[in-house]
C-alpha cells in the first residue's frame, strides 16, 4: 500500500462515490488524513496466524490497535468500515470457528464501524458454511450492518452471496481482480459482472449498464495481461461479438 497516496491524488473523484483507504494502524491513518480521505477501513482476521502474517499482530492486539485508530478517525470526522478476513477458512489453520468471527465483528461494531464486511479470503466457503457463519455473527451485529466479501477460488462466490440471507451489501471487483499475498492459491474477488447478473436475474434493479461494465472488465484485463475473470462477462462478450 506504499503508493496509496498517489492513487488517491490521481483519482478523478465523483461526489456519489465513496473512496476508502485501508488503514491498519496510526501511521496508515496519518497517511489517509494527509490524502484527504473521508472514509477508512480497518481490517482484521478471525485467524491468529493470518492476522500475524497480514498485519503483524495477534487478534487481540489488532483490536487494541484498531480502537486507537477509530478513536482518532472519529475525532477528525471520518467514517469507519470494518473487514474481517478468513471468516470461513484460513490458508494456515484450516476451518475457522464462527464464534471467533462473531467476536471480531462485534468488537469492530462496538468501536463504531458503520458496517462490517465478512471476507472469505481464500474462497473455500460453501452456502451451508456461509449461512451458519452469518447466523452466528448476526446474533451480535445487526444483519443490516453486515456486508459480504467472497473470493471465487472454488467457484462458490455467487452461491454464497445468494445464501447470505438478509445482507444487502456485496463487495466485488471488476473482472474478478484481486487476491492476497498471504493467501496462496486464492483467486480474486467475485467479479462485479457476475454479481450484477445475479442481482438483475432475481429482480434487483442495480442501475448498472451491463454492457459498459463488461467492456470495462475486458479492457482492464487486457491492460494487466490477465485472463478475463467473469463468466457472465465472457458470455455477454461472446454474444455481443456474434451480433
C-alpha atoms as a PDB file:
ATOM      1  CA  UNK A   1       0.000   0.000   0.000  1.00  0.00           C
ATOM      2  CA  UNK A   2       3.053   2.271  -0.283  1.00  0.00           C
ATOM      3  CA  UNK A   3       1.626   4.147  -3.281  1.00  0.00           C
ATOM      4  CA  UNK A   4      -1.899   4.635  -1.898  1.00  0.00           C
ATOM      5  CA  UNK A   5      -1.413   8.381  -1.552  1.00  0.00           C
ATOM      6  CA  UNK A   6      -0.536   8.672  -5.264  1.00  0.00           C
ATOM      7  CA  UNK A   7      -3.608   6.654  -6.224  1.00  0.00           C
ATOM      8  CA  UNK A   8      -5.856   8.911  -4.154  1.00  0.00           C
ATOM      9  CA  UNK A   9      -4.184  12.002  -5.585  1.00  0.00           C
ATOM     10  CA  UNK A  10      -4.735  10.939  -9.212  1.00  0.00           C
ATOM     11  CA  UNK A  11      -8.297   9.614  -8.980  1.00  0.00           C
ATOM     12  CA  UNK A  12     -10.862  11.886 -10.623  1.00  0.00           C
ATOM     13  CA  UNK A  13     -13.326  11.835  -7.750  1.00  0.00           C
ATOM     14  CA  UNK A  14     -17.105  11.783  -8.159  1.00  0.00           C
ATOM     15  CA  UNK A  15     -19.399  13.092  -5.386  1.00  0.00           C
ATOM     16  CA  UNK A  16     -21.592   9.969  -5.339  1.00  0.00           C
ATOM     17  CA  UNK A  17     -18.671   7.542  -4.854  1.00  0.00           C
ATOM     18  CA  UNK A  18     -17.122   6.535  -1.520  1.00  0.00           C
ATOM     19  CA  UNK A  19     -13.312   6.439  -1.639  1.00  0.00           C
ATOM     20  CA  UNK A  20     -11.983   4.298   1.178  1.00  0.00           C
ATOM     21  CA  UNK A  21      -8.419   3.693   2.377  1.00  0.00           C
ATOM     22  CA  UNK A  22      -7.322   0.538   4.197  1.00  0.00           C
ATOM     23  CA  UNK A  23      -5.763   1.625   7.487  1.00  0.00           C
ATOM     24  CA  UNK A  24      -4.026  -0.968   9.707  1.00  0.00           C
ATOM     25  CA  UNK A  25      -2.526   1.424  12.268  1.00  0.00           C
ATOM     26  CA  UNK A  26      -1.891   5.032  13.325  1.00  0.00           C
ATOM     27  CA  UNK A  27       0.743   5.525  10.620  1.00  0.00           C
ATOM     28  CA  UNK A  28      -1.773   4.465   7.967  1.00  0.00           C
ATOM     29  CA  UNK A  29      -4.388   6.796   9.430  1.00  0.00           C
ATOM     30  CA  UNK A  30      -1.979   9.730   9.258  1.00  0.00           C
ATOM     31  CA  UNK A  31      -1.287   8.975   5.586  1.00  0.00           C
ATOM     32  CA  UNK A  32      -5.033   8.703   4.862  1.00  0.00           C
ATOM     33  CA  UNK A  33      -5.687  12.006   6.616  1.00  0.00           C
ATOM     34  CA  UNK A  34      -2.974  13.729   4.576  1.00  0.00           C
ATOM     35  CA  UNK A  35      -4.529  12.365   1.373  1.00  0.00           C
ATOM     36  CA  UNK A  36      -7.908  13.871   2.224  1.00  0.00           C
ATOM     37  CA  UNK A  37      -9.669  10.530   2.646  1.00  0.00           C
ATOM     38  CA  UNK A  38     -13.061  10.782   4.347  1.00  0.00           C
ATOM     39  CA  UNK A  39     -13.565   7.071   4.974  1.00  0.00           C
ATOM     40  CA  UNK A  40     -11.177   4.413   6.233  1.00  0.00           C
ATOM     41  CA  UNK A  41     -11.374   0.653   6.623  1.00  0.00           C
ATOM     42  CA  UNK A  42      -9.757  -1.314   9.407  1.00  0.00           C
ATOM     43  CA  UNK A  43      -9.007  -4.940   8.526  1.00  0.00           C
ATOM     44  CA  UNK A  44      -8.607  -7.764  10.984  1.00  0.00           C
ATOM     45  CA  UNK A  45      -8.938 -11.531  10.803  1.00  0.00           C
ATOM     46  CA  UNK A  46     -10.654 -14.444  12.535  1.00  0.00           C
ATOM     47  CA  UNK A  47      -7.421 -16.461  12.373  1.00  0.00           C
ATOM     48  CA  UNK A  48      -4.465 -15.806  14.665  1.00  0.00           C
ATOM     49  CA  UNK A  49      -1.900 -16.969  12.107  1.00  0.00           C
ATOM     50  CA  UNK A  50      -3.378 -14.948   9.253  1.00  0.00           C
ATOM     51  CA  UNK A  51      -3.582 -11.873  11.475  1.00  0.00           C
ATOM     52  CA  UNK A  52       0.124 -12.178  12.301  1.00  0.00           C
ATOM     53  CA  UNK A  53       1.063 -12.747   8.648  1.00  0.00           C
ATOM     54  CA  UNK A  54      -1.131  -9.933   7.317  1.00  0.00           C
ATOM     55  CA  UNK A  55      -0.807  -7.145   9.886  1.00  0.00           C
ATOM     56  CA  UNK A  56       1.934  -8.495  12.177  1.00  0.00           C
ATOM     57  CA  UNK A  57      -0.079  -8.831  15.379  1.00  0.00           C
ATOM     58  CA  UNK A  58      -2.492 -11.148  17.183  1.00  0.00           C
ATOM     59  CA  UNK A  59      -6.271 -10.789  17.007  1.00  0.00           C
ATOM     60  CA  UNK A  60      -6.469  -9.089  20.401  1.00  0.00           C
ATOM     61  CA  UNK A  61      -3.517  -6.822  19.609  1.00  0.00           C
ATOM     62  CA  UNK A  62      -5.179  -5.846  16.323  1.00  0.00           C
ATOM     63  CA  UNK A  63      -8.380  -4.914  18.133  1.00  0.00           C
ATOM     64  CA  UNK A  64      -6.402  -2.777  20.582  1.00  0.00           C
ATOM     65  CA  UNK A  65      -4.621  -1.053  17.662  1.00  0.00           C
ATOM     66  CA  UNK A  66      -7.895  -0.526  15.786  1.00  0.00           C
ATOM     67  CA  UNK A  67      -9.541   1.086  18.796  1.00  0.00           C
ATOM     68  CA  UNK A  68      -6.890   3.831  18.791  1.00  0.00           C
ATOM     69  CA  UNK A  69      -7.271   4.339  15.033  1.00  0.00           C
ATOM     70  CA  UNK A  70     -11.065   4.517  15.290  1.00  0.00           C
ATOM     71  CA  UNK A  71     -10.939   6.949  18.212  1.00  0.00           C
ATOM     72  CA  UNK A  72      -8.779   9.370  16.219  1.00  0.00           C
ATOM     73  CA  UNK A  73     -10.776   8.844  12.995  1.00  0.00           C
ATOM     74  CA  UNK A  74     -13.990   9.791  14.792  1.00  0.00           C
ATOM     75  CA  UNK A  75     -12.428  12.985  16.112  1.00  0.00           C
ATOM     76  CA  UNK A  76     -11.480  14.121  12.605  1.00  0.00           C
ATOM     77  CA  UNK A  77     -14.879  13.169  11.201  1.00  0.00           C
ATOM     78  CA  UNK A  78     -14.045  10.051   9.191  1.00  0.00           C
ATOM     79  CA  UNK A  79     -16.451   7.172   8.561  1.00  0.00           C
ATOM     80  CA  UNK A  80     -15.070   3.758   9.512  1.00  0.00           C
ATOM     81  CA  UNK A  81     -15.772   0.385   7.903  1.00  0.00           C
ATOM     82  CA  UNK A  82     -14.511  -2.918   9.300  1.00  0.00           C
ATOM     83  CA  UNK A  83     -13.282  -6.017   7.471  1.00  0.00           C
ATOM     84  CA  UNK A  84     -12.878  -9.482   8.955  1.00  0.00           C
ATOM     85  CA  UNK A  85     -10.717 -11.843   6.883  1.00  0.00           C
ATOM     86  CA  UNK A  86     -10.810 -15.658   6.874  1.00  0.00           C
ATOM     87  CA  UNK A  87     -14.418 -15.903   8.092  1.00  0.00           C
ATOM     88  CA  UNK A  88     -14.828 -19.476   6.806  1.00  0.00           C
ATOM     89  CA  UNK A  89     -11.346 -20.859   6.303  1.00  0.00           C
ATOM     90  CA  UNK A  90      -7.683 -19.915   6.740  1.00  0.00           C
ATOM     91  CA  UNK A  91      -4.742 -20.908   4.499  1.00  0.00           C
ATOM     92  CA  UNK A  92      -2.730 -21.752   7.626  1.00  0.00           C
ATOM     93  CA  UNK A  93      -5.273 -23.031  10.178  1.00  0.00           C
ATOM     94  CA  UNK A  94      -7.997 -24.626   8.047  1.00  0.00           C
ATOM     95  CA  UNK A  95     -11.613 -24.276   9.191  1.00  0.00           C
ATOM     96  CA  UNK A  96     -12.367 -21.146  11.213  1.00  0.00           C
ATOM     97  CA  UNK A  97     -14.639 -21.083  14.263  1.00  0.00           C
ATOM     98  CA  UNK A  98     -17.688 -18.873  13.595  1.00  0.00           C
ATOM     99  CA  UNK A  99     -17.654 -17.777  17.246  1.00  0.00           C
ATOM    100  CA  UNK A 100     -14.295 -16.081  16.647  1.00  0.00           C
ATOM    101  CA  UNK A 101     -15.696 -14.356  13.544  1.00  0.00           C
ATOM    102  CA  UNK A 102     -18.628 -13.108  15.621  1.00  0.00           C
ATOM    103  CA  UNK A 103     -16.262 -11.897  18.366  1.00  0.00           C
ATOM    104  CA  UNK A 104     -14.060  -9.868  15.997  1.00  0.00           C
ATOM    105  CA  UNK A 105     -17.050  -8.453  14.104  1.00  0.00           C
ATOM    106  CA  UNK A 106     -18.825  -7.430  17.306  1.00  0.00           C
ATOM    107  CA  UNK A 107     -15.721  -5.696  18.676  1.00  0.00           C
ATOM    108  CA  UNK A 108     -15.411  -3.695  15.449  1.00  0.00           C
ATOM    109  CA  UNK A 109     -19.079  -2.786  15.575  1.00  0.00           C
ATOM    110  CA  UNK A 110     -18.824  -1.696  19.227  1.00  0.00           C
ATOM    111  CA  UNK A 111     -15.874   0.555  18.324  1.00  0.00           C
ATOM    112  CA  UNK A 112     -18.036   2.457  15.877  1.00  0.00           C
ATOM    113  CA  UNK A 113     -17.680   0.821  12.446  1.00  0.00           C
ATOM    114  CA  UNK A 114     -20.826   1.641  10.478  1.00  0.00           C
ATOM    115  CA  UNK A 115     -20.550  -1.673   8.596  1.00  0.00           C
ATOM    116  CA  UNK A 116     -18.616  -4.943   8.926  1.00  0.00           C
ATOM    117  CA  UNK A 117     -17.586  -6.835   5.792  1.00  0.00           C
ATOM    118  CA  UNK A 118     -17.208 -10.602   6.265  1.00  0.00           C
ATOM    119  CA  UNK A 119     -14.478 -11.910   3.971  1.00  0.00           C
ATOM    120  CA  UNK A 120     -13.978 -15.434   2.677  1.00  0.00           C
ATOM    121  CA  UNK A 121     -10.376 -14.607   1.844  1.00  0.00           C
ATOM    122  CA  UNK A 122      -9.394 -17.939   0.302  1.00  0.00           C
ATOM    123  CA  UNK A 123     -12.751 -18.705  -1.295  1.00  0.00           C
ATOM    124  CA  UNK A 124     -13.393 -22.043   0.426  1.00  0.00           C
ATOM    125  CA  UNK A 125     -16.892 -21.207   1.667  1.00  0.00           C
ATOM    126  CA  UNK A 126     -20.000 -23.097   0.661  1.00  0.00           C
ATOM    127  CA  UNK A 127     -23.605 -21.902   1.130  1.00  0.00           C
ATOM    128  CA  UNK A 128     -24.149 -24.068   4.208  1.00  0.00           C
ATOM    129  CA  UNK A 129     -20.994 -22.891   5.980  1.00  0.00           C
ATOM    130  CA  UNK A 130     -21.654 -19.306   4.936  1.00  0.00           C
ATOM    131  CA  UNK A 131     -25.190 -19.315   6.321  1.00  0.00           C
ATOM    132  CA  UNK A 132     -24.039 -20.886   9.592  1.00  0.00           C
ATOM    133  CA  UNK A 133     -21.347 -18.215   9.989  1.00  0.00           C
ATOM    134  CA  UNK A 134     -23.736 -15.341   9.217  1.00  0.00           C
ATOM    135  CA  UNK A 135     -26.309 -16.675  11.694  1.00  0.00           C
ATOM    136  CA  UNK A 136     -23.647 -16.639  14.431  1.00  0.00           C
ATOM    137  CA  UNK A 137     -22.394 -13.149  13.579  1.00  0.00           C
ATOM    138  CA  UNK A 138     -25.883 -11.644  13.234  1.00  0.00           C
ATOM    139  CA  UNK A 139     -26.629 -12.559  16.864  1.00  0.00           C
ATOM    140  CA  UNK A 140     -24.000  -9.995  17.861  1.00  0.00           C
ATOM    141  CA  UNK A 141     -24.091  -7.493  14.981  1.00  0.00           C
ATOM    142  CA  UNK A 142     -27.360  -6.382  13.308  1.00  0.00           C
ATOM    143  CA  UNK A 143     -27.635  -8.008   9.890  1.00  0.00           C
ATOM    144  CA  UNK A 144     -28.281  -4.628   8.252  1.00  0.00           C
ATOM    145  CA  UNK A 145     -24.774  -3.616   9.421  1.00  0.00           C
ATOM    146  CA  UNK A 146     -23.114  -6.570   7.665  1.00  0.00           C
ATOM    147  CA  UNK A 147     -21.637  -6.948   4.181  1.00  0.00           C
ATOM    148  CA  UNK A 148     -20.117  -9.981   2.442  1.00  0.00           C
ATOM    149  CA  UNK A 149     -16.833 -10.271   0.586  1.00  0.00           C
ATOM    150  CA  UNK A 150     -16.267 -13.534  -1.294  1.00  0.00           C
ATOM    151  CA  UNK A 151     -13.342 -14.772  -3.325  1.00  0.00           C
ATOM    152  CA  UNK A 152     -14.176 -17.270  -6.055  1.00  0.00           C
ATOM    153  CA  UNK A 153     -11.398 -19.859  -5.751  1.00  0.00           C
ATOM    154  CA  UNK A 154     -13.787 -22.833  -5.779  1.00  0.00           C
ATOM    155  CA  UNK A 155     -16.468 -21.183  -7.896  1.00  0.00           C
ATOM    156  CA  UNK A 156     -18.837 -20.784  -4.941  1.00  0.00           C
ATOM    157  CA  UNK A 157     -18.881 -16.991  -4.550  1.00  0.00           C
ATOM    158  CA  UNK A 158     -22.182 -16.376  -6.353  1.00  0.00           C
ATOM    159  CA  UNK A 159     -23.869 -19.254  -4.493  1.00  0.00           C
ATOM    160  CA  UNK A 160     -22.566 -17.870  -1.193  1.00  0.00           C
ATOM    161  CA  UNK A 161     -23.872 -14.382  -1.990  1.00  0.00           C
ATOM    162  CA  UNK A 162     -27.304 -15.813  -2.758  1.00  0.00           C
ATOM    163  CA  UNK A 163     -27.193 -17.738   0.537  1.00  0.00           C
ATOM    164  CA  UNK A 164     -26.283 -14.634   2.563  1.00  0.00           C
ATOM    165  CA  UNK A 165     -29.846 -14.095   3.724  1.00  0.00           C
ATOM    166  CA  UNK A 166     -30.689 -10.542   4.766  1.00  0.00           C
ATOM    167  CA  UNK A 167     -27.363  -8.977   3.746  1.00  0.00           C
ATOM    168  CA  UNK A 168     -27.732  -6.295   1.099  1.00  0.00           C
ATOM    169  CA  UNK A 169     -24.134  -5.126   0.594  1.00  0.00           C
ATOM    170  CA  UNK A 170     -21.708  -7.163  -1.518  1.00  0.00           C
ATOM    171  CA  UNK A 171     -18.040  -6.347  -2.098  1.00  0.00           C
ATOM    172  CA  UNK A 172     -16.881  -7.228  -5.614  1.00  0.00           C
ATOM    173  CA  UNK A 173     -14.157  -6.450  -8.123  1.00  0.00           C
ATOM    174  CA  UNK A 174     -14.494  -5.783 -11.830  1.00  0.00           C
ATOM    175  CA  UNK A 175     -13.247  -8.750 -13.885  1.00  0.00           C
ATOM    176  CA  UNK A 176     -12.700 -10.692 -10.655  1.00  0.00           C
ATOM    177  CA  UNK A 177      -9.403  -8.923  -9.965  1.00  0.00           C
ATOM    178  CA  UNK A 178      -7.683  -9.070  -6.604  1.00  0.00           C
ATOM    179  CA  UNK A 179      -6.093 -11.591  -4.301  1.00  0.00           C
ATOM    180  CA  UNK A 180      -3.875 -11.630  -1.245  1.00  0.00           C
ATOM    181  CA  UNK A 181      -0.125 -12.311  -0.915  1.00  0.00           C
ATOM    182  CA  UNK A 182      -0.796 -14.222   2.328  1.00  0.00           C
ATOM    183  CA  UNK A 183      -3.483 -16.481   0.822  1.00  0.00           C
ATOM    184  CA  UNK A 184      -1.521 -18.610  -1.638  1.00  0.00           C
ATOM    185  CA  UNK A 185      -3.672 -20.082  -4.397  1.00  0.00           C
ATOM    186  CA  UNK A 186      -6.725 -17.913  -3.692  1.00  0.00           C
ATOM    187  CA  UNK A 187      -8.345 -16.218  -6.657  1.00  0.00           C
ATOM    188  CA  UNK A 188      -9.509 -12.619  -6.830  1.00  0.00           C
ATOM    189  CA  UNK A 189     -12.760 -11.202  -5.524  1.00  0.00           C
ATOM    190  CA  UNK A 190     -16.043 -12.247  -7.058  1.00  0.00           C
ATOM    191  CA  UNK A 191     -16.481 -10.434 -10.383  1.00  0.00           C
ATOM    192  CA  UNK A 192     -18.778  -7.415 -10.276  1.00  0.00           C
ATOM    193  CA  UNK A 193     -20.209  -8.529 -13.626  1.00  0.00           C
ATOM    194  CA  UNK A 194     -21.288 -11.887 -12.147  1.00  0.00           C
ATOM    195  CA  UNK A 195     -22.847 -10.208  -9.102  1.00  0.00           C
ATOM    196  CA  UNK A 196     -24.795  -7.744 -11.267  1.00  0.00           C
ATOM    197  CA  UNK A 197     -26.015 -10.596 -13.491  1.00  0.00           C
ATOM    198  CA  UNK A 198     -27.242 -12.468 -10.386  1.00  0.00           C
ATOM    199  CA  UNK A 199     -28.958  -9.424  -8.889  1.00  0.00           C
ATOM    200  CA  UNK A 200     -30.686  -8.421 -12.112  1.00  0.00           C
ATOM    201  CA  UNK A 201     -31.754 -12.047 -12.531  1.00  0.00           C
ATOM    202  CA  UNK A 202     -33.593 -12.067  -9.203  1.00  0.00           C
ATOM    203  CA  UNK A 203     -35.349  -8.771  -9.884  1.00  0.00           C
ATOM    204  CA  UNK A 204     -32.957  -6.233  -8.322  1.00  0.00           C
ATOM    205  CA  UNK A 205     -32.517  -3.087 -10.379  1.00  0.00           C
ATOM    206  CA  UNK A 206     -28.848  -2.222  -9.940  1.00  0.00           C
ATOM    207  CA  UNK A 207     -28.873   0.757 -12.308  1.00  0.00           C
ATOM    208  CA  UNK A 208     -25.639  -0.541 -13.847  1.00  0.00           C
ATOM    209  CA  UNK A 209     -25.096  -0.663 -17.614  1.00  0.00           C
ATOM    210  CA  UNK A 210     -24.019  -4.291 -18.022  1.00  0.00           C
ATOM    211  CA  UNK A 211     -22.561  -3.837 -21.496  1.00  0.00           C
ATOM    212  CA  UNK A 212     -20.315  -0.957 -20.363  1.00  0.00           C
ATOM    213  CA  UNK A 213     -19.319  -2.913 -17.265  1.00  0.00           C
ATOM    214  CA  UNK A 214     -18.324  -5.955 -19.320  1.00  0.00           C
ATOM    215  CA  UNK A 215     -16.350  -3.898 -21.842  1.00  0.00           C
ATOM    216  CA  UNK A 216     -14.507  -2.190 -18.982  1.00  0.00           C
ATOM    217  CA  UNK A 217     -13.727  -5.574 -17.430  1.00  0.00           C
ATOM    218  CA  UNK A 218     -12.355  -6.846 -20.744  1.00  0.00           C
ATOM    219  CA  UNK A 219     -10.266  -3.678 -21.152  1.00  0.00           C
ATOM    220  CA  UNK A 220      -8.665  -3.705 -17.693  1.00  0.00           C
ATOM    221  CA  UNK A 221      -7.902  -7.416 -18.017  1.00  0.00           C
ATOM    222  CA  UNK A 222      -6.043  -6.803 -21.293  1.00  0.00           C
ATOM    223  CA  UNK A 223      -4.129  -3.854 -19.793  1.00  0.00           C
ATOM    224  CA  UNK A 224      -2.992  -6.051 -16.891  1.00  0.00           C
ATOM    225  CA  UNK A 225      -2.299  -9.045 -19.117  1.00  0.00           C
ATOM    226  CA  UNK A 226      -4.763 -11.226 -17.206  1.00  0.00           C
ATOM    227  CA  UNK A 227      -7.457 -13.626 -18.322  1.00  0.00           C
ATOM    228  CA  UNK A 228     -10.900 -12.015 -18.066  1.00  0.00           C
ATOM    229  CA  UNK A 229     -12.251 -13.485 -14.827  1.00  0.00           C
ATOM    230  CA  UNK A 230     -16.019 -13.028 -15.209  1.00  0.00           C
ATOM    231  CA  UNK A 231     -18.104 -15.931 -16.507  1.00  0.00           C
ATOM    232  CA  UNK A 232     -21.103 -13.680 -17.151  1.00  0.00           C
ATOM    233  CA  UNK A 233     -18.817 -11.138 -18.803  1.00  0.00           C
ATOM    234  CA  UNK A 234     -17.313 -13.708 -21.163  1.00  0.00           C
ATOM    235  CA  UNK A 235     -20.767 -14.954 -22.168  1.00  0.00           C
ATOM    236  CA  UNK A 236     -22.029 -11.424 -22.814  1.00  0.00           C
ATOM    237  CA  UNK A 237     -18.918 -10.543 -24.825  1.00  0.00           C
ATOM    238  CA  UNK A 238     -19.356 -13.649 -26.948  1.00  0.00           C
ATOM    239  CA  UNK A 239     -22.957 -12.679 -27.602  1.00  0.00           C
ATOM    240  CA  UNK A 240     -22.001  -9.084 -28.489  1.00  0.00           C
ATOM    241  CA  UNK A 241     -19.230 -10.246 -30.844  1.00  0.00           C
ATOM    242  CA  UNK A 242     -21.630 -12.566 -32.680  1.00  0.00           C
ATOM    243  CA  UNK A 243     -24.309  -9.936 -33.263  1.00  0.00           C
END
